[in-house]
Amino acid sequence: MTILETVSTETRNIFNMFFDKEPLNYLEAAGLYGMIAQGRYNVAALEVLYNHAHDPELKLLVKEAIERQTKVIVEHSEEMLQESGGRIPTLAFTQRTLHKTALNIPTDAHFTDEEVAIAVGTMGKAAQMALLAALHQSYQLEVAMMYRKMLDAGLEWDYRLLQLMLRRGWLPRLAKLEH
């Protein structure tokens, strides 16, 4: 973000704090609720995928998806929903240990690194679409800015995952269409 964008954002935030502090509308509250519920599930799924991965770069990207992407949006969404008097989803999932070394899982019950990368990439794309849809439904500047920031971070992360997949030869090959 440039200095001018940062100043503009902070100015809007200050203006919004003083003059336009309405409660969340139903779509915003539902969007935040959905981000929390889906995010909690995604953390559990990503932890399992992390433990299936062998490639150290892939493990690093999956861990970043957990810590810097998914958990961050869940925390911000919980905070915004609570501030507006909304209810936080009660569902919770088991937190798994992130094993740094490969686990001894039988081959027929284990994802390959390529399968982990594709699964994580698919989850990332779905999350980005959900963020984009929620962003378009947002009225409150604070909520929209949070979604935009998380969407930008997610797109940057996705680019790094695609670069890794390209280097490792994990991108699916699609046949060309001919007319």
N, C-alpha and C. Protein backbone atom coordinates (compact mmCIF):
# COMPACT_ATOMS: atom_id res chain seq x y z
N MET A 1 0.86 -1.16 0.00
CA MET A 1 0.00 0.00 0.00
C MET A 1 0.91 1.23 0.00
N THR A 2 0.59 2.21 -0.86
CA THR A 2 1.39 3.42 -0.92
C THR A 2 1.08 4.31 0.28
N ILE A 3 1.92 5.31 0.48
CA ILE A 3 1.73 6.25 1.59
C ILE A 3 0.41 6.98 1.42
N LEU A 4 0.09 7.39 0.19
CA LEU A 4 -1.16 8.11 -0.06
C LEU A 4 -2.38 7.23 0.25
N GLU A 5 -2.32 5.96 -0.16
CA GLU A 5 -3.43 5.04 0.16
C GLU A 5 -3.57 4.86 1.66
N THR A 6 -2.46 4.74 2.36
CA THR A 6 -2.48 4.57 3.82
C THR A 6 -3.10 5.79 4.49
N VAL A 7 -2.70 6.99 4.05
CA VAL A 7 -3.26 8.23 4.62
C VAL A 7 -4.76 8.31 4.32
N SER A 8 -5.15 7.99 3.10
CA SER A 8 -6.57 8.02 2.74
C SER A 8 -7.38 7.04 3.58
N THR A 9 -6.85 5.85 3.75
CA THR A 9 -7.53 4.83 4.55
C THR A 9 -7.69 5.29 5.99
N GLU A 10 -6.64 5.79 6.57
CA GLU A 10 -6.70 6.24 7.97
C GLU A 10 -7.66 7.43 8.13
N THR A 11 -7.67 8.33 7.16
CA THR A 11 -8.59 9.46 7.21
C THR A 11 -10.04 8.98 7.17
N ARG A 12 -10.33 8.03 6.28
CA ARG A 12 -11.68 7.47 6.21
C ARG A 12 -12.05 6.77 7.52
N ASN A 13 -11.09 6.04 8.07
CA ASN A 13 -11.36 5.34 9.34
C ASN A 13 -11.68 6.32 10.46
N ILE A 14 -10.93 7.42 10.56
CA ILE A 14 -11.18 8.43 11.59
C ILE A 14 -12.54 9.08 11.38
N PHE A 15 -12.84 9.44 10.13
CA PHE A 15 -14.14 10.04 9.82
C PHE A 15 -15.27 9.08 10.19
N ASN A 16 -15.09 7.82 9.82
CA ASN A 16 -16.09 6.79 10.11
C ASN A 16 -16.29 6.61 11.61
N MET A 17 -15.21 6.64 12.39
CA MET A 17 -15.31 6.47 13.84
C MET A 17 -16.18 7.56 14.47
N PHE A 18 -16.06 8.77 13.98
CA PHE A 18 -16.77 9.88 14.61
C PHE A 18 -18.18 10.08 14.08
N PHE A 19 -18.39 9.86 12.80
CA PHE A 19 -19.65 10.29 12.21
C PHE A 19 -20.55 9.17 11.69
N ASP A 20 -20.04 8.02 11.43
CA ASP A 20 -20.86 7.01 10.76
C ASP A 20 -20.71 5.65 11.43
N LYS A 21 -21.10 5.56 12.67
CA LYS A 21 -20.95 4.31 13.40
C LYS A 21 -22.30 3.65 13.57
N GLU A 22 -22.80 3.05 12.51
CA GLU A 22 -24.06 2.34 12.57
C GLU A 22 -23.77 0.87 12.87
N PRO A 23 -24.77 0.16 13.39
CA PRO A 23 -24.57 -1.28 13.60
C PRO A 23 -24.46 -1.98 12.24
N LEU A 24 -23.93 -3.16 12.28
CA LEU A 24 -23.82 -3.95 11.06
C LEU A 24 -25.21 -4.25 10.51
N ASN A 25 -25.33 -4.25 9.19
CA ASN A 25 -26.61 -4.68 8.61
C ASN A 25 -26.63 -6.21 8.60
N TYR A 26 -27.77 -6.79 8.23
CA TYR A 26 -27.91 -8.24 8.28
C TYR A 26 -26.92 -8.96 7.38
N LEU A 27 -26.69 -8.43 6.19
CA LEU A 27 -25.76 -9.07 5.27
C LEU A 27 -24.33 -9.05 5.82
N GLU A 28 -23.95 -7.92 6.41
CA GLU A 28 -22.60 -7.83 6.99
C GLU A 28 -22.44 -8.79 8.16
N ALA A 29 -23.42 -8.81 9.03
CA ALA A 29 -23.36 -9.71 10.19
C ALA A 29 -23.33 -11.17 9.74
N ALA A 30 -24.16 -11.52 8.77
CA ALA A 30 -24.17 -12.89 8.26
C ALA A 30 -22.84 -13.24 7.59
N GLY A 31 -22.27 -12.28 6.87
CA GLY A 31 -20.97 -12.50 6.24
C GLY A 31 -19.88 -12.76 7.27
N LEU A 32 -19.85 -11.96 8.32
CA LEU A 32 -18.86 -12.15 9.39
C LEU A 32 -19.06 -13.49 10.09
N TYR A 33 -20.31 -13.82 10.36
CA TYR A 33 -20.63 -15.11 10.99
C TYR A 33 -20.12 -16.26 10.12
N GLY A 34 -20.37 -16.16 8.83
CA GLY A 34 -19.92 -17.19 7.90
C GLY A 34 -18.40 -17.27 7.82
N MET A 35 -17.72 -16.12 7.87
CA MET A 35 -16.26 -16.12 7.84
C MET A 35 -15.70 -16.85 9.07
N ILE A 36 -16.33 -16.64 10.21
CA ILE A 36 -15.87 -17.28 11.44
C ILE A 36 -16.10 -18.79 11.37
N ALA A 37 -17.31 -19.19 11.02
CA ALA A 37 -17.64 -20.62 10.99
C ALA A 37 -16.78 -21.36 9.96
N GLN A 38 -16.72 -20.84 8.76
CA GLN A 38 -15.93 -21.51 7.71
C GLN A 38 -14.45 -21.44 8.04
N GLY A 39 -14.01 -20.32 8.58
CA GLY A 39 -12.60 -20.18 8.94
C GLY A 39 -12.15 -21.17 9.99
N ARG A 40 -12.99 -21.40 10.98
CA ARG A 40 -12.64 -22.39 12.01
C ARG A 40 -12.50 -23.79 11.41
N TYR A 41 -13.41 -24.13 10.51
CA TYR A 41 -13.30 -25.43 9.84
C TYR A 41 -12.04 -25.47 8.97
N ASN A 42 -11.78 -24.39 8.24
CA ASN A 42 -10.61 -24.36 7.35
C ASN A 42 -9.31 -24.55 8.12
N VAL A 43 -9.23 -23.99 9.33
CA VAL A 43 -8.02 -24.18 10.14
C VAL A 43 -7.81 -25.67 10.41
N ALA A 44 -8.88 -26.38 10.80
CA ALA A 44 -8.77 -27.82 11.06
C ALA A 44 -8.32 -28.57 9.81
N ALA A 45 -8.92 -28.26 8.68
CA ALA A 45 -8.56 -28.94 7.43
C ALA A 45 -7.12 -28.62 7.03
N LEU A 46 -6.72 -27.36 7.18
CA LEU A 46 -5.35 -26.98 6.83
C LEU A 46 -4.32 -27.64 7.74
N GLU A 47 -4.66 -27.83 9.00
CA GLU A 47 -3.74 -28.52 9.92
C GLU A 47 -3.50 -29.96 9.46
N VAL A 48 -4.56 -30.62 9.02
CA VAL A 48 -4.42 -31.99 8.52
C VAL A 48 -3.58 -31.99 7.24
N LEU A 49 -3.85 -31.06 6.34
CA LEU A 49 -3.08 -30.98 5.10
C LEU A 49 -1.61 -30.68 5.37
N TYR A 50 -1.35 -29.83 6.34
CA TYR A 50 0.03 -29.52 6.73
C TYR A 50 0.76 -30.80 7.13
N ASN A 51 0.09 -31.62 7.92
CA ASN A 51 0.72 -32.85 8.40
C ASN A 51 0.90 -33.90 7.30
N HIS A 52 0.18 -33.76 6.20
CA HIS A 52 0.36 -34.67 5.07
C HIS A 52 1.50 -34.22 4.16
N ALA A 53 1.79 -32.93 4.16
CA ALA A 53 2.81 -32.37 3.26
C ALA A 53 4.22 -32.79 3.69
N HIS A 54 5.06 -33.05 2.69
CA HIS A 54 6.46 -33.37 2.94
C HIS A 54 7.35 -32.19 2.53
N ASP A 55 7.01 -31.52 1.45
CA ASP A 55 7.82 -30.44 0.91
C ASP A 55 7.90 -29.28 1.92
N PRO A 56 9.11 -28.86 2.30
CA PRO A 56 9.23 -27.81 3.32
C PRO A 56 8.63 -26.46 2.89
N GLU A 57 8.75 -26.10 1.62
CA GLU A 57 8.15 -24.84 1.14
C GLU A 57 6.63 -24.91 1.18
N LEU A 58 6.10 -26.06 0.83
CA LEU A 58 4.65 -26.24 0.87
C LEU A 58 4.16 -26.18 2.31
N LYS A 59 4.88 -26.83 3.23
CA LYS A 59 4.50 -26.79 4.64
C LYS A 59 4.49 -25.34 5.14
N LEU A 60 5.48 -24.56 4.72
CA LEU A 60 5.57 -23.16 5.13
C LEU A 60 4.36 -22.37 4.62
N LEU A 61 3.97 -22.60 3.37
CA LEU A 61 2.80 -21.90 2.81
C LEU A 61 1.51 -22.31 3.51
N VAL A 62 1.37 -23.59 3.82
CA VAL A 62 0.16 -24.05 4.51
C VAL A 62 0.10 -23.44 5.91
N LYS A 63 1.24 -23.42 6.60
CA LYS A 63 1.28 -22.82 7.94
C LYS A 63 0.93 -21.33 7.88
N GLU A 64 1.42 -20.66 6.86
CA GLU A 64 1.08 -19.25 6.67
C GLU A 64 -0.41 -19.07 6.39
N ALA A 65 -1.00 -19.99 5.63
CA ALA A 65 -2.44 -19.94 5.37
C ALA A 65 -3.23 -20.07 6.67
N ILE A 66 -2.71 -20.87 7.59
CA ILE A 66 -3.38 -21.05 8.88
C ILE A 66 -3.22 -19.79 9.73
N GLU A 67 -1.96 -19.39 9.94
CA GLU A 67 -1.64 -18.33 10.91
C GLU A 67 -1.93 -16.91 10.42
N ARG A 68 -1.54 -16.61 9.19
CA ARG A 68 -1.62 -15.23 8.70
C ARG A 68 -2.84 -14.93 7.85
N GLN A 69 -3.54 -15.99 7.45
CA GLN A 69 -4.72 -15.78 6.63
C GLN A 69 -5.98 -16.14 7.41
N THR A 70 -6.14 -17.42 7.67
CA THR A 70 -7.40 -17.92 8.21
C THR A 70 -7.65 -17.46 9.64
N LYS A 71 -6.69 -17.69 10.53
CA LYS A 71 -6.88 -17.28 11.92
C LYS A 71 -7.06 -15.77 12.06
N VAL A 72 -6.38 -15.01 11.23
CA VAL A 72 -6.47 -13.55 11.29
C VAL A 72 -7.88 -13.08 10.93
N ILE A 73 -8.43 -13.61 9.85
CA ILE A 73 -9.77 -13.16 9.47
C ILE A 73 -10.81 -13.63 10.48
N VAL A 74 -10.62 -14.80 11.06
CA VAL A 74 -11.55 -15.28 12.09
C VAL A 74 -11.51 -14.33 13.29
N GLU A 75 -10.33 -13.95 13.73
CA GLU A 75 -10.20 -13.06 14.89
C GLU A 75 -10.81 -11.69 14.61
N HIS A 76 -10.50 -11.12 13.45
CA HIS A 76 -11.06 -9.80 13.10
C HIS A 76 -12.58 -9.87 12.98
N SER A 77 -13.08 -10.93 12.38
CA SER A 77 -14.53 -11.08 12.21
C SER A 77 -15.22 -11.24 13.56
N GLU A 78 -14.62 -12.02 14.46
CA GLU A 78 -15.20 -12.18 15.81
C GLU A 78 -15.26 -10.84 16.52
N GLU A 79 -14.20 -10.08 16.42
CA GLU A 79 -14.15 -8.77 17.08
C GLU A 79 -15.24 -7.84 16.54
N MET A 80 -15.36 -7.77 15.23
CA MET A 80 -16.36 -6.88 14.62
C MET A 80 -17.78 -7.33 14.95
N LEU A 81 -18.01 -8.63 14.93
CA LEU A 81 -19.34 -9.14 15.22
C LEU A 81 -19.70 -8.88 16.69
N GLN A 82 -18.77 -9.09 17.59
CA GLN A 82 -19.02 -8.83 19.02
C GLN A 82 -19.28 -7.35 19.28
N GLU A 83 -18.50 -6.49 18.65
CA GLU A 83 -18.67 -5.04 18.84
C GLU A 83 -20.07 -4.58 18.42
N SER A 84 -20.65 -5.29 17.47
CA SER A 84 -21.98 -4.91 16.99
C SER A 84 -23.09 -5.67 17.71
N GLY A 85 -22.73 -6.48 18.70
CA GLY A 85 -23.74 -7.21 19.47
C GLY A 85 -24.19 -8.50 18.83
N GLY A 86 -23.46 -8.96 17.81
CA GLY A 86 -23.82 -10.21 17.15
C GLY A 86 -23.33 -11.42 17.91
N ARG A 87 -23.92 -12.56 17.61
CA ARG A 87 -23.52 -13.81 18.25
C ARG A 87 -22.38 -14.46 17.47
N ILE A 88 -21.45 -15.00 18.22
CA ILE A 88 -20.31 -15.70 17.63
C ILE A 88 -20.69 -17.18 17.48
N PRO A 89 -20.35 -17.81 16.35
CA PRO A 89 -20.63 -19.25 16.21
C PRO A 89 -19.99 -20.05 17.34
N THR A 90 -20.70 -21.04 17.82
CA THR A 90 -20.20 -21.84 18.93
C THR A 90 -19.42 -23.06 18.48
N LEU A 91 -19.49 -23.41 17.20
CA LEU A 91 -18.80 -24.60 16.76
C LEU A 91 -17.29 -24.44 16.86
N ALA A 92 -16.64 -25.51 17.28
CA ALA A 92 -15.19 -25.52 17.42
C ALA A 92 -14.68 -26.88 16.97
N PHE A 93 -13.45 -26.91 16.52
CA PHE A 93 -12.85 -28.14 16.03
C PHE A 93 -11.58 -28.42 16.80
N THR A 94 -11.17 -29.68 16.78
CA THR A 94 -9.96 -30.09 17.48
C THR A 94 -8.75 -29.41 16.88
N GLN A 95 -7.91 -28.84 17.73
CA GLN A 95 -6.65 -28.27 17.24
C GLN A 95 -5.62 -29.38 17.15
N ARG A 96 -4.99 -29.49 16.00
CA ARG A 96 -4.02 -30.54 15.77
C ARG A 96 -2.60 -30.02 15.91
N THR A 97 -1.70 -30.89 16.28
CA THR A 97 -0.28 -30.55 16.34
C THR A 97 0.24 -30.46 14.92
N LEU A 98 1.01 -29.42 14.63
CA LEU A 98 1.65 -29.30 13.33
C LEU A 98 3.02 -29.97 13.42
N HIS A 99 3.16 -31.13 12.80
CA HIS A 99 4.39 -31.91 12.87
C HIS A 99 5.37 -31.42 11.80
N LYS A 100 6.57 -31.07 12.23
CA LYS A 100 7.57 -30.55 11.30
C LYS A 100 8.14 -31.64 10.39
N THR A 101 8.19 -32.85 10.88
CA THR A 101 8.71 -33.95 10.08
C THR A 101 7.55 -34.79 9.55
N ALA A 102 7.84 -35.52 8.48
CA ALA A 102 6.81 -36.34 7.83
C ALA A 102 6.30 -37.42 8.79
N LEU A 103 4.99 -37.63 8.74
CA LEU A 103 4.38 -38.67 9.57
C LEU A 103 4.38 -39.99 8.82
N ASN A 104 4.33 -41.07 9.55
CA ASN A 104 4.32 -42.40 8.95
C ASN A 104 2.87 -42.81 8.67
N ILE A 105 2.32 -42.23 7.62
CA ILE A 105 0.95 -42.53 7.21
C ILE A 105 1.04 -43.45 5.99
N PRO A 106 0.29 -44.55 5.98
CA PRO A 106 0.35 -45.45 4.81
C PRO A 106 0.06 -44.68 3.51
N THR A 107 0.75 -45.06 2.47
CA THR A 107 0.65 -44.37 1.18
C THR A 107 -0.78 -44.28 0.67
N ASP A 108 -1.57 -45.33 0.86
CA ASP A 108 -2.94 -45.32 0.34
C ASP A 108 -3.88 -44.46 1.18
N ALA A 109 -3.42 -43.92 2.30
CA ALA A 109 -4.23 -43.05 3.15
C ALA A 109 -3.61 -41.66 3.28
N HIS A 110 -2.65 -41.35 2.41
CA HIS A 110 -1.86 -40.14 2.54
C HIS A 110 -1.97 -39.29 1.28
N PHE A 111 -2.16 -37.98 1.46
CA PHE A 111 -2.12 -37.06 0.32
C PHE A 111 -0.68 -36.89 -0.13
N THR A 112 -0.47 -36.78 -1.44
CA THR A 112 0.84 -36.41 -1.96
C THR A 112 0.99 -34.89 -1.83
N ASP A 113 2.20 -34.39 -1.99
CA ASP A 113 2.40 -32.94 -1.94
C ASP A 113 1.61 -32.23 -3.03
N GLU A 114 1.53 -32.84 -4.21
CA GLU A 114 0.74 -32.27 -5.30
C GLU A 114 -0.74 -32.17 -4.90
N GLU A 115 -1.27 -33.21 -4.30
CA GLU A 115 -2.67 -33.21 -3.86
C GLU A 115 -2.90 -32.17 -2.75
N VAL A 116 -1.94 -32.04 -1.84
CA VAL A 116 -2.05 -31.03 -0.78
C VAL A 116 -2.07 -29.64 -1.40
N ALA A 117 -1.15 -29.40 -2.34
CA ALA A 117 -1.08 -28.08 -2.97
C ALA A 117 -2.38 -27.74 -3.71
N ILE A 118 -2.93 -28.71 -4.42
CA ILE A 118 -4.18 -28.47 -5.16
C ILE A 118 -5.33 -28.23 -4.18
N ALA A 119 -5.39 -29.01 -3.11
CA ALA A 119 -6.45 -28.83 -2.11
C ALA A 119 -6.36 -27.46 -1.44
N VAL A 120 -5.16 -27.08 -1.05
CA VAL A 120 -4.98 -25.78 -0.39
C VAL A 120 -5.27 -24.65 -1.36
N GLY A 121 -4.83 -24.81 -2.60
CA GLY A 121 -5.11 -23.78 -3.61
C GLY A 121 -6.60 -23.62 -3.87
N THR A 122 -7.31 -24.74 -3.91
CA THR A 122 -8.76 -24.71 -4.11
C THR A 122 -9.45 -24.03 -2.94
N MET A 123 -9.01 -24.36 -1.73
CA MET A 123 -9.56 -23.69 -0.54
C MET A 123 -9.30 -22.19 -0.59
N GLY A 124 -8.09 -21.82 -1.03
CA GLY A 124 -7.74 -20.40 -1.13
C GLY A 124 -8.63 -19.67 -2.12
N LYS A 125 -8.87 -20.28 -3.27
CA LYS A 125 -9.75 -19.65 -4.28
C LYS A 125 -11.17 -19.49 -3.75
N ALA A 126 -11.67 -20.51 -3.07
CA ALA A 126 -13.02 -20.43 -2.51
C ALA A 126 -13.09 -19.33 -1.45
N ALA A 127 -12.05 -19.22 -0.63
CA ALA A 127 -12.01 -18.18 0.39
C ALA A 127 -11.96 -16.79 -0.24
N GLN A 128 -11.20 -16.65 -1.32
CA GLN A 128 -11.12 -15.36 -2.01
C GLN A 128 -12.46 -14.97 -2.62
N MET A 129 -13.17 -15.93 -3.16
CA MET A 129 -14.50 -15.63 -3.72
C MET A 129 -15.47 -15.23 -2.61
N ALA A 130 -15.38 -15.90 -1.47
CA ALA A 130 -16.24 -15.55 -0.33
C ALA A 130 -15.91 -14.15 0.17
N LEU A 131 -14.63 -13.82 0.24
CA LEU A 131 -14.22 -12.47 0.66
C LEU A 131 -14.73 -11.41 -0.32
N LEU A 132 -14.59 -11.70 -1.60
CA LEU A 132 -15.04 -10.74 -2.61
C LEU A 132 -16.55 -10.52 -2.54
N ALA A 133 -17.30 -11.60 -2.38
CA ALA A 133 -18.76 -11.47 -2.25
C ALA A 133 -19.13 -10.70 -1.00
N ALA A 134 -18.47 -10.99 0.12
CA ALA A 134 -18.75 -10.27 1.37
C ALA A 134 -18.36 -8.80 1.25
N LEU A 135 -17.27 -8.53 0.56
CA LEU A 135 -16.84 -7.14 0.35
C LEU A 135 -17.90 -6.36 -0.40
N HIS A 136 -18.49 -6.96 -1.41
CA HIS A 136 -19.53 -6.29 -2.21
C HIS A 136 -20.82 -6.08 -1.42
N GLN A 137 -21.02 -6.83 -0.34
CA GLN A 137 -22.22 -6.71 0.48
C GLN A 137 -22.03 -5.77 1.67
N SER A 138 -20.81 -5.24 1.82
CA SER A 138 -20.48 -4.46 3.01
C SER A 138 -20.82 -2.98 2.84
N TYR A 139 -21.40 -2.45 3.88
CA TYR A 139 -21.70 -1.02 3.94
C TYR A 139 -20.70 -0.31 4.84
N GLN A 140 -20.37 -0.93 5.96
CA GLN A 140 -19.45 -0.33 6.92
C GLN A 140 -18.03 -0.33 6.35
N LEU A 141 -17.41 0.84 6.37
CA LEU A 141 -16.07 1.00 5.82
C LEU A 141 -15.06 0.08 6.52
N GLU A 142 -15.17 -0.02 7.81
CA GLU A 142 -14.23 -0.86 8.58
C GLU A 142 -14.30 -2.32 8.15
N VAL A 143 -15.49 -2.81 7.93
CA VAL A 143 -15.67 -4.20 7.50
C VAL A 143 -15.12 -4.37 6.08
N ALA A 144 -15.47 -3.46 5.19
CA ALA A 144 -15.01 -3.55 3.81
C ALA A 144 -13.48 -3.47 3.72
N MET A 145 -12.88 -2.60 4.51
CA MET A 145 -11.42 -2.47 4.49
C MET A 145 -10.74 -3.74 5.00
N MET A 146 -11.33 -4.37 6.00
CA MET A 146 -10.77 -5.62 6.52
C MET A 146 -10.83 -6.69 5.44
N TYR A 147 -11.97 -6.79 4.76
CA TYR A 147 -12.11 -7.78 3.69
C TYR A 147 -11.11 -7.50 2.57
N ARG A 148 -10.97 -6.25 2.20
CA ARG A 148 -10.05 -5.89 1.12
C ARG A 148 -8.61 -6.23 1.49
N LYS A 149 -8.23 -5.92 2.71
CA LYS A 149 -6.87 -6.22 3.17
C LYS A 149 -6.61 -7.73 3.14
N MET A 150 -7.59 -8.50 3.62
CA MET A 150 -7.43 -9.96 3.64
C MET A 150 -7.44 -10.54 2.22
N LEU A 151 -8.24 -9.96 1.34
CA LEU A 151 -8.27 -10.41 -0.05
C LEU A 151 -6.93 -10.14 -0.72
N ASP A 152 -6.36 -8.96 -0.51
CA ASP A 152 -5.05 -8.64 -1.07
C ASP A 152 -3.98 -9.61 -0.58
N ALA A 153 -3.99 -9.88 0.73
CA ALA A 153 -3.01 -10.81 1.31
C ALA A 153 -3.22 -12.21 0.75
N GLY A 154 -4.47 -12.63 0.57
CA GLY A 154 -4.77 -13.95 0.04
C GLY A 154 -4.32 -14.10 -1.40
N LEU A 155 -4.51 -13.06 -2.20
CA LEU A 155 -4.08 -13.12 -3.60
C LEU A 155 -2.56 -13.20 -3.70
N GLU A 156 -1.87 -12.48 -2.84
CA GLU A 156 -0.40 -12.53 -2.83
C GLU A 156 0.07 -13.92 -2.41
N TRP A 157 -0.56 -14.50 -1.39
CA TRP A 157 -0.22 -15.85 -0.94
C TRP A 157 -0.48 -16.86 -2.05
N ASP A 158 -1.62 -16.73 -2.72
CA ASP A 158 -1.99 -17.65 -3.80
C ASP A 158 -0.97 -17.60 -4.93
N TYR A 159 -0.47 -16.42 -5.23
CA TYR A 159 0.56 -16.28 -6.28
C TYR A 159 1.80 -17.08 -5.90
N ARG A 160 2.22 -17.00 -4.64
CA ARG A 160 3.39 -17.75 -4.19
C ARG A 160 3.14 -19.26 -4.24
N LEU A 161 1.92 -19.69 -3.91
CA LEU A 161 1.58 -21.12 -4.03
C LEU A 161 1.65 -21.56 -5.49
N LEU A 162 1.09 -20.77 -6.38
CA LEU A 162 1.12 -21.12 -7.81
C LEU A 162 2.56 -21.18 -8.33
N GLN A 163 3.42 -20.28 -7.88
CA GLN A 163 4.83 -20.31 -8.29
C GLN A 163 5.49 -21.60 -7.82
N LEU A 164 5.22 -22.01 -6.59
CA LEU A 164 5.77 -23.27 -6.07
C LEU A 164 5.26 -24.45 -6.89
N MET A 165 3.96 -24.45 -7.16
CA MET A 165 3.37 -25.54 -7.94
C MET A 165 3.98 -25.60 -9.34
N LEU A 166 4.24 -24.45 -9.93
CA LEU A 166 4.85 -24.40 -11.26
C LEU A 166 6.27 -24.96 -11.22
N ARG A 167 7.05 -24.55 -10.22
CA ARG A 167 8.44 -25.04 -10.08
C ARG A 167 8.48 -26.56 -9.84
N ARG A 168 7.51 -27.08 -9.10
CA ARG A 168 7.51 -28.50 -8.75
C ARG A 168 6.79 -29.37 -9.79
N GLY A 169 6.15 -28.75 -10.77
CA GLY A 169 5.41 -29.52 -11.78
C GLY A 169 4.09 -30.05 -11.27
N TRP A 170 3.48 -29.36 -10.30
CA TRP A 170 2.24 -29.83 -9.69
C TRP A 170 0.99 -29.23 -10.31
N LEU A 171 1.12 -28.30 -11.22
CA LEU A 171 -0.07 -27.71 -11.83
C LEU A 171 -0.70 -28.72 -12.77
N PRO A 172 -2.01 -28.91 -12.67
CA PRO A 172 -2.66 -29.88 -13.57
C PRO A 172 -2.51 -29.45 -15.02
N ARG A 173 -2.31 -30.40 -15.88
CA ARG A 173 -2.21 -30.14 -17.32
C ARG A 173 -3.61 -30.25 -17.91
N LEU A 174 -4.03 -29.21 -18.58
CA LEU A 174 -5.35 -29.20 -19.22
C LEU A 174 -5.16 -29.28 -20.72
N ALA A 175 -5.91 -30.13 -21.35
CA ALA A 175 -5.83 -30.27 -22.81
C ALA A 175 -6.34 -28.99 -23.46
N LYS A 176 -5.70 -28.63 -24.56
CA LYS A 176 -6.12 -27.44 -25.30
C LYS A 176 -7.43 -27.73 -26.02
N LEU A 177 -8.25 -26.72 -26.09
CA LEU A 177 -9.49 -26.83 -26.86
C LEU A 177 -9.21 -26.52 -28.32
N GLU A 178 -9.77 -27.29 -29.17
CA GLU A 178 -9.61 -27.05 -30.60
C GLU A 178 -10.99 -26.92 -31.23
N HIS A 179 -11.08 -26.01 -32.17
CA HIS A 179 -12.36 -25.78 -32.88
C HIS A 179 -12.24 -26.24 -34.31
